[in-house]
Amino acid sequence: MGGRFEGSVALVAGGTGGLGRSVSLAFLEEGARVVVTYRSQTEWDALKSAAGANATRLEGHSVDVTDEAAVRQLVEKIFAKHGRLDALVNTVGGYAGGLKLWEMDTKVFEQMLALNLRSGYALSRAAVRAMLKQGRGAIVNVAAKAAFDHAAGAAAYAASKAAAVAMLDSLAADLRGSGVRVNTILPSIIDTEANRKAMPKADFSKWPKPQDIARVILFLCTDEARVIHGAAIPVYGDT
């Protein structure tokens, strides 16, 4: 079955996680060849199973996307094998909160910067180099509502997400007129299994679903969204 991404190659970082899995499956349904990074073998096996017949267009690499050299090598492999990289979606991230700034272990701050900022830095640098060679491409980085809504007890998380938005905004300015587009999405609490376990008393019905956010991400990677560049788009509905 064809689709909007027939013949395209998409790299989904964290492509086996709560949101990443939905993004990966959506790209596959639309005809793309999808390359994912993962850290959990169990999650990778589950994604392959969920992909069904589309798994023939699915590739997985166990890569630490905060490692710039490893990410660069991965993108070089993709370009060497497929001759193109049409879309990069970074769904890698982490959350730590509940402590005041002066009570927080500095290691937590560093971890938030690594997962929420450095991952996008390493991935974008590598992907942009490849995309500039072909004169086109789309990058979507997943930040968070917390980039603008700075709640108490979440200083490290909010700072890392805000920095990620600023970084991608500046990158978009660098790429103006190049054919490579860069955008950010801003989820609130996504309805994933991990978030449900972390907040069992919450009203899950109000949380945005991963598959709904995935549709927005895919749209931003299409030519239909060619006029959207350097945007930070809320995807939390009325929550």
Foldseek 3Di string as FASTA:
>chain_A
DAAQQALAEEEEEQLLDQLNLLLQLVCLVNHYQYEYEHQDPVSVVVSCVVNPPSSVSYHYDHDQLLDLVRLLVVLVVVCVVSVAHAEYEYPWADFDWDDAPVVDDVVVLVRRLSGQPSSCVSNCVNRVVRCLVVQAHEYEYEAAPLCPVPDGGGVSNNVNSVVNLVVQLVVLVVCPPRRYAYEYEHAYDELGPVVCVVPVPDDSVQHHYSNVVSVVVVCCSGPVVVVDHSYYHYDRPPD
